């Protein structure tokens, strides 16, 4: 099976490295071009104007593809482990994969529709990406606990659950504050509302 092949563990590491590079490269280009302020801009702001918008979109779409591959490998791994241990229903594993894939589709929407060009579509994509991501992480944490102690250590389960809790906590203010903001432009001059 693909998930048991030697060397597939590099895929999640590649996903994290590539995604980090996407954010860092588009940020550096946006700052150097004077398109954003250097102090903590929105991620989407760093991918709104050319040339960084093209790089941002391309790299985030690749990140979404790597996310799909990573989630599919995880799905296959759980399926294989579940064949001998029967710690979850197969439908739970499939449901988790579908939620994860929805998050990757949301990432593609965010990458394709820039924040200021089509803001409603961009915002829906961000909501799908982040919301599905939080649900996926939580489901994977639950699955990890169900597979203890045979396939996971409790330490790994606790780390995954801590990440899930932090994600859930961060998601709530993101929704609250995003609903209060109506972004129509990035550049503001003194005296504007």
C-alpha atoms as a PDB file:
ATOM      1  CA  UNK A   1       0.000   0.000   0.000  1.00  0.00           C
ATOM      2  CA  UNK A   2       1.103   3.568  -0.676  1.00  0.00           C
ATOM      3  CA  UNK A   3       0.976   4.571   3.002  1.00  0.00           C
ATOM      4  CA  UNK A   4       3.362   1.767   3.956  1.00  0.00           C
ATOM      5  CA  UNK A   5       5.936   2.565   1.287  1.00  0.00           C
ATOM      6  CA  UNK A   6       9.258   3.747   2.637  1.00  0.00           C
ATOM      7  CA  UNK A   7       9.789   7.455   2.178  1.00  0.00           C
ATOM      8  CA  UNK A   8       6.215   8.766   2.198  1.00  0.00           C
ATOM      9  CA  UNK A   9       6.900  10.469   5.527  1.00  0.00           C
ATOM     10  CA  UNK A  10       8.638  13.257   3.589  1.00  0.00           C
ATOM     11  CA  UNK A  11       5.277  14.434   2.169  1.00  0.00           C
ATOM     12  CA  UNK A  12       3.974  16.138   5.363  1.00  0.00           C
ATOM     13  CA  UNK A  13       7.401  17.741   5.886  1.00  0.00           C
ATOM     14  CA  UNK A  14       7.358  18.962   2.287  1.00  0.00           C
ATOM     15  CA  UNK A  15       3.838  20.346   2.818  1.00  0.00           C
ATOM     16  CA  UNK A  16       4.932  22.386   5.838  1.00  0.00           C
ATOM     17  CA  UNK A  17       8.150  23.570   4.165  1.00  0.00           C
ATOM     18  CA  UNK A  18       6.447  24.525   0.892  1.00  0.00           C
ATOM     19  CA  UNK A  19       3.552  26.306   2.613  1.00  0.00           C
ATOM     20  CA  UNK A  20       5.935  28.244   4.846  1.00  0.00           C
ATOM     21  CA  UNK A  21       7.988  29.221   1.809  1.00  0.00           C
ATOM     22  CA  UNK A  22       4.810  30.382   0.022  1.00  0.00           C
ATOM     23  CA  UNK A  23       3.937  32.742   2.849  1.00  0.00           C
ATOM     24  CA  UNK A  24       7.488  33.965   3.392  1.00  0.00           C
ATOM     25  CA  UNK A  25       8.321  34.550  -0.283  1.00  0.00           C
ATOM     26  CA  UNK A  26       5.083  36.417  -1.028  1.00  0.00           C
ATOM     27  CA  UNK A  27       5.545  38.450   2.164  1.00  0.00           C
ATOM     28  CA  UNK A  28       9.112  39.452   1.265  1.00  0.00           C
ATOM     29  CA  UNK A  29       8.132  40.426  -2.284  1.00  0.00           C
ATOM     30  CA  UNK A  30       5.080  42.395  -1.079  1.00  0.00           C
ATOM     31  CA  UNK A  31       7.157  44.279   1.512  1.00  0.00           C
ATOM     32  CA  UNK A  32      10.004  45.000  -0.904  1.00  0.00           C
ATOM     33  CA  UNK A  33       7.524  46.232  -3.521  1.00  0.00           C
ATOM     34  CA  UNK A  34       5.878  48.478  -0.924  1.00  0.00           C
ATOM     35  CA  UNK A  35       2.509  46.731  -1.289  1.00  0.00           C
ATOM     36  CA  UNK A  36       2.131  45.962   2.447  1.00  0.00           C
ATOM     37  CA  UNK A  37       3.521  47.243   5.704  1.00  0.00           C
ATOM     38  CA  UNK A  38       6.190  44.952   7.162  1.00  0.00           C
ATOM     39  CA  UNK A  39       4.492  44.605  10.544  1.00  0.00           C
ATOM     40  CA  UNK A  40       2.095  41.628  10.554  1.00  0.00           C
ATOM     41  CA  UNK A  41      -0.016  42.008   7.395  1.00  0.00           C
ATOM     42  CA  UNK A  42      -2.834  39.582   6.611  1.00  0.00           C
ATOM     43  CA  UNK A  43      -1.559  36.566   4.704  1.00  0.00           C
ATOM     44  CA  UNK A  44      -4.005  37.375   1.904  1.00  0.00           C
ATOM     45  CA  UNK A  45      -2.704  40.958   1.700  1.00  0.00           C
ATOM     46  CA  UNK A  46       0.718  39.602   0.745  1.00  0.00           C
ATOM     47  CA  UNK A  47      -0.793  37.840  -2.254  1.00  0.00           C
ATOM     48  CA  UNK A  48      -3.105  40.525  -3.615  1.00  0.00           C
ATOM     49  CA  UNK A  49      -1.007  42.557  -6.052  1.00  0.00           C
ATOM     50  CA  UNK A  50       1.338  41.425  -8.833  1.00  0.00           C
ATOM     51  CA  UNK A  51       4.004  40.087  -8.886  1.00  0.00           C
ATOM     52  CA  UNK A  52       3.513  38.413  -5.488  1.00  0.00           C
ATOM     53  CA  UNK A  53      -0.076  37.443  -6.308  1.00  0.00           C
ATOM     54  CA  UNK A  54       1.052  35.030  -9.021  1.00  0.00           C
ATOM     55  CA  UNK A  55       3.684  33.436  -6.808  1.00  0.00           C
ATOM     56  CA  UNK A  56       1.277  33.251  -3.865  1.00  0.00           C
ATOM     57  CA  UNK A  57      -1.474  31.644  -5.949  1.00  0.00           C
ATOM     58  CA  UNK A  58       0.845  29.130  -7.571  1.00  0.00           C
ATOM     59  CA  UNK A  59       2.527  28.114  -4.334  1.00  0.00           C
ATOM     60  CA  UNK A  60      -0.714  27.849  -2.330  1.00  0.00           C
ATOM     61  CA  UNK A  61      -2.265  25.659  -5.028  1.00  0.00           C
ATOM     62  CA  UNK A  62       0.777  23.364  -4.776  1.00  0.00           C
ATOM     63  CA  UNK A  63       0.321  23.410  -0.972  1.00  0.00           C
ATOM     64  CA  UNK A  64      -3.296  22.339  -1.437  1.00  0.00           C
ATOM     65  CA  UNK A  65      -2.165  19.455  -3.664  1.00  0.00           C
ATOM     66  CA  UNK A  66       0.428  18.396  -1.080  1.00  0.00           C
ATOM     67  CA  UNK A  67      -2.326  18.625   1.548  1.00  0.00           C
ATOM     68  CA  UNK A  68      -4.516  16.276  -0.489  1.00  0.00           C
ATOM     69  CA  UNK A  69      -1.640  13.791  -0.835  1.00  0.00           C
ATOM     70  CA  UNK A  70      -0.830  13.990   2.888  1.00  0.00           C
ATOM     71  CA  UNK A  71      -4.462  13.468   3.889  1.00  0.00           C
ATOM     72  CA  UNK A  72      -4.857  10.559   1.497  1.00  0.00           C
ATOM     73  CA  UNK A  73      -1.732   8.882   2.902  1.00  0.00           C
ATOM     74  CA  UNK A  74      -3.124   9.384   6.427  1.00  0.00           C
ATOM     75  CA  UNK A  75      -6.462   7.941   5.294  1.00  0.00           C
ATOM     76  CA  UNK A  76      -4.732   4.854   3.876  1.00  0.00           C
ATOM     77  CA  UNK A  77      -2.615   4.443   7.001  1.00  0.00           C
ATOM     78  CA  UNK A  78      -5.661   4.555   9.291  1.00  0.00           C
ATOM     79  CA  UNK A  79      -7.539   2.201   6.978  1.00  0.00           C
ATOM     80  CA  UNK A  80      -4.655  -0.295   7.122  1.00  0.00           C
ATOM     81  CA  UNK A  81      -4.320  -0.047  10.907  1.00  0.00           C
ATOM     82  CA  UNK A  82      -8.076  -0.352  11.335  1.00  0.00           C
ATOM     83  CA  UNK A  83      -8.139  -3.635   9.384  1.00  0.00           C
ATOM     84  CA  UNK A  84      -6.386  -5.410  12.243  1.00  0.00           C
ATOM     85  CA  UNK A  85      -7.543  -3.375  15.263  1.00  0.00           C
ATOM     86  CA  UNK A  86     -11.058  -2.137  14.358  1.00  0.00           C
ATOM     87  CA  UNK A  87     -10.760   0.982  16.515  1.00  0.00           C
ATOM     88  CA  UNK A  88     -13.072   3.196  14.399  1.00  0.00           C
ATOM     89  CA  UNK A  89     -15.792   2.798  11.816  1.00  0.00           C
ATOM     90  CA  UNK A  90     -14.535   3.035   8.247  1.00  0.00           C
ATOM     91  CA  UNK A  91     -17.101   5.769   7.554  1.00  0.00           C
ATOM     92  CA  UNK A  92     -15.428   8.001  10.165  1.00  0.00           C
ATOM     93  CA  UNK A  93     -12.118   7.727   8.297  1.00  0.00           C
ATOM     94  CA  UNK A  94     -13.812   8.506   4.974  1.00  0.00           C
ATOM     95  CA  UNK A  95     -15.690  11.454   6.526  1.00  0.00           C
ATOM     96  CA  UNK A  96     -12.431  12.850   7.927  1.00  0.00           C
ATOM     97  CA  UNK A  97     -10.784  12.577   4.502  1.00  0.00           C
ATOM     98  CA  UNK A  98     -13.718  14.373   2.833  1.00  0.00           C
ATOM     99  CA  UNK A  99     -13.572  17.224   5.369  1.00  0.00           C
ATOM    100  CA  UNK A 100      -9.819  17.538   4.777  1.00  0.00           C
ATOM    101  CA  UNK A 101     -10.308  17.618   1.010  1.00  0.00           C
ATOM    102  CA  UNK A 102     -12.891  20.397   1.424  1.00  0.00           C
ATOM    103  CA  UNK A 103     -10.238  22.409   3.263  1.00  0.00           C
ATOM    104  CA  UNK A 104      -7.826  21.933   0.372  1.00  0.00           C
ATOM    105  CA  UNK A 105     -10.480  23.112  -2.079  1.00  0.00           C
ATOM    106  CA  UNK A 106     -10.924  26.170   0.134  1.00  0.00           C
ATOM    107  CA  UNK A 107      -7.169  26.809  -0.095  1.00  0.00           C
ATOM    108  CA  UNK A 108      -7.384  26.688  -3.897  1.00  0.00           C
ATOM    109  CA  UNK A 109     -10.250  29.181  -3.834  1.00  0.00           C
ATOM    110  CA  UNK A 110      -8.236  31.539  -1.605  1.00  0.00           C
ATOM    111  CA  UNK A 111      -5.222  31.228  -3.902  1.00  0.00           C
ATOM    112  CA  UNK A 112      -7.206  31.774  -7.094  1.00  0.00           C
ATOM    113  CA  UNK A 113      -9.507  34.618  -6.070  1.00  0.00           C
ATOM    114  CA  UNK A 114      -7.490  37.489  -4.625  1.00  0.00           C
ATOM    115  CA  UNK A 115      -8.749  39.311  -1.571  1.00  0.00           C
ATOM    116  CA  UNK A 116      -9.569  42.583  -3.327  1.00  0.00           C
ATOM    117  CA  UNK A 117     -10.562  41.222  -6.750  1.00  0.00           C
ATOM    118  CA  UNK A 118     -13.404  38.945  -5.624  1.00  0.00           C
ATOM    119  CA  UNK A 119     -13.640  39.434  -1.851  1.00  0.00           C
ATOM    120  CA  UNK A 120     -16.789  37.391  -1.204  1.00  0.00           C
ATOM    121  CA  UNK A 121     -15.424  34.320  -2.995  1.00  0.00           C
ATOM    122  CA  UNK A 122     -12.031  34.767  -1.306  1.00  0.00           C
ATOM    123  CA  UNK A 123     -13.693  35.006   2.116  1.00  0.00           C
ATOM    124  CA  UNK A 124     -15.852  31.924   1.495  1.00  0.00           C
ATOM    125  CA  UNK A 125     -12.729  30.013   0.447  1.00  0.00           C
ATOM    126  CA  UNK A 126     -10.921  31.136   3.607  1.00  0.00           C
ATOM    127  CA  UNK A 127     -13.883  30.112   5.761  1.00  0.00           C
ATOM    128  CA  UNK A 128     -14.019  26.685   4.100  1.00  0.00           C
ATOM    129  CA  UNK A 129     -10.235  26.238   4.365  1.00  0.00           C
ATOM    130  CA  UNK A 130      -9.921  27.243   8.005  1.00  0.00           C
ATOM    131  CA  UNK A 131     -13.224  25.731   9.159  1.00  0.00           C
ATOM    132  CA  UNK A 132     -12.591  22.400   7.466  1.00  0.00           C
ATOM    133  CA  UNK A 133      -9.023  22.457   8.737  1.00  0.00           C
ATOM    134  CA  UNK A 134     -10.175  22.821  12.347  1.00  0.00           C
ATOM    135  CA  UNK A 135     -12.717  20.004  11.959  1.00  0.00           C
ATOM    136  CA  UNK A 136     -10.152  17.774  10.214  1.00  0.00           C
ATOM    137  CA  UNK A 137      -7.531  18.315  12.921  1.00  0.00           C
ATOM    138  CA  UNK A 138     -10.102  17.569  15.633  1.00  0.00           C
ATOM    139  CA  UNK A 139     -11.289  14.396  13.900  1.00  0.00           C
ATOM    140  CA  UNK A 140      -7.710  13.212  13.457  1.00  0.00           C
ATOM    141  CA  UNK A 141      -7.065  13.850  17.153  1.00  0.00           C
ATOM    142  CA  UNK A 142     -10.087  11.750  18.097  1.00  0.00           C
ATOM    143  CA  UNK A 143      -8.997   8.982  15.727  1.00  0.00           C
ATOM    144  CA  UNK A 144      -5.535   9.062  17.311  1.00  0.00           C
ATOM    145  CA  UNK A 145      -7.016   8.576  20.786  1.00  0.00           C
ATOM    146  CA  UNK A 146      -9.155   5.701  19.505  1.00  0.00           C
ATOM    147  CA  UNK A 147      -6.043   3.981  18.138  1.00  0.00           C
ATOM    148  CA  UNK A 148      -4.108   4.186  21.431  1.00  0.00           C
ATOM    149  CA  UNK A 149      -1.970   2.530  22.632  1.00  0.00           C
ATOM    150  CA  UNK A 150      -1.415   0.178  19.710  1.00  0.00           C
ATOM    151  CA  UNK A 151      -0.841   2.737  16.941  1.00  0.00           C
ATOM    152  CA  UNK A 152      -0.123   5.967  18.837  1.00  0.00           C
ATOM    153  CA  UNK A 153       1.352   7.095  22.115  1.00  0.00           C
ATOM    154  CA  UNK A 154      -0.727   9.189  24.453  1.00  0.00           C
ATOM    155  CA  UNK A 155       1.908  11.908  24.192  1.00  0.00           C
ATOM    156  CA  UNK A 156       1.278  12.241  20.428  1.00  0.00           C
ATOM    157  CA  UNK A 157      -2.477  12.220  21.046  1.00  0.00           C
ATOM    158  CA  UNK A 158      -2.185  14.980  23.644  1.00  0.00           C
ATOM    159  CA  UNK A 159      -0.069  17.113  21.270  1.00  0.00           C
ATOM    160  CA  UNK A 160      -2.608  16.632  18.468  1.00  0.00           C
ATOM    161  CA  UNK A 161      -5.487  17.522  20.783  1.00  0.00           C
ATOM    162  CA  UNK A 162      -3.646  20.611  22.054  1.00  0.00           C
ATOM    163  CA  UNK A 163      -3.230  21.763  18.443  1.00  0.00           C
ATOM    164  CA  UNK A 164      -6.938  21.080  17.870  1.00  0.00           C
ATOM    165  CA  UNK A 165      -7.956  23.129  20.904  1.00  0.00           C
ATOM    166  CA  UNK A 166      -5.681  26.028  19.913  1.00  0.00           C
ATOM    167  CA  UNK A 167      -7.114  25.893  16.367  1.00  0.00           C
ATOM    168  CA  UNK A 168     -10.688  25.961  17.656  1.00  0.00           C
ATOM    169  CA  UNK A 169      -9.927  28.849  19.989  1.00  0.00           C
ATOM    170  CA  UNK A 170      -8.215  30.810  17.174  1.00  0.00           C
ATOM    171  CA  UNK A 171     -11.062  30.114  14.729  1.00  0.00           C
ATOM    172  CA  UNK A 172     -13.686  31.857  16.867  1.00  0.00           C
ATOM    173  CA  UNK A 173     -12.083  35.339  16.988  1.00  0.00           C
ATOM    174  CA  UNK A 174     -11.146  34.992  13.315  1.00  0.00           C
ATOM    175  CA  UNK A 175     -14.838  34.666  12.433  1.00  0.00           C
ATOM    176  CA  UNK A 176     -15.907  37.428  14.825  1.00  0.00           C
ATOM    177  CA  UNK A 177     -13.315  39.956  13.656  1.00  0.00           C
ATOM    178  CA  UNK A 178     -13.542  39.047   9.968  1.00  0.00           C
ATOM    179  CA  UNK A 179     -17.282  39.649  10.048  1.00  0.00           C
ATOM    180  CA  UNK A 180     -16.659  43.162  11.411  1.00  0.00           C
ATOM    181  CA  UNK A 181     -14.276  44.168   8.616  1.00  0.00           C
ATOM    182  CA  UNK A 182     -15.181  45.206   5.096  1.00  0.00           C
ATOM    183  CA  UNK A 183     -11.888  45.287   3.164  1.00  0.00           C
ATOM    184  CA  UNK A 184     -12.033  47.319  -0.012  1.00  0.00           C
ATOM    185  CA  UNK A 185      -8.369  48.269  -0.266  1.00  0.00           C
ATOM    186  CA  UNK A 186      -5.009  47.690   1.384  1.00  0.00           C
ATOM    187  CA  UNK A 187      -3.467  51.139   1.167  1.00  0.00           C
ATOM    188  CA  UNK A 188      -4.839  53.621   3.684  1.00  0.00           C
ATOM    189  CA  UNK A 189      -3.964  57.274   4.060  1.00  0.00           C
ATOM    190  CA  UNK A 190      -4.225  59.329   7.271  1.00  0.00           C
ATOM    191  CA  UNK A 191      -7.721  60.672   7.834  1.00  0.00           C
ATOM    192  CA  UNK A 192      -9.562  57.770   6.127  1.00  0.00           C
ATOM    193  CA  UNK A 193     -12.070  55.729   8.103  1.00  0.00           C
END
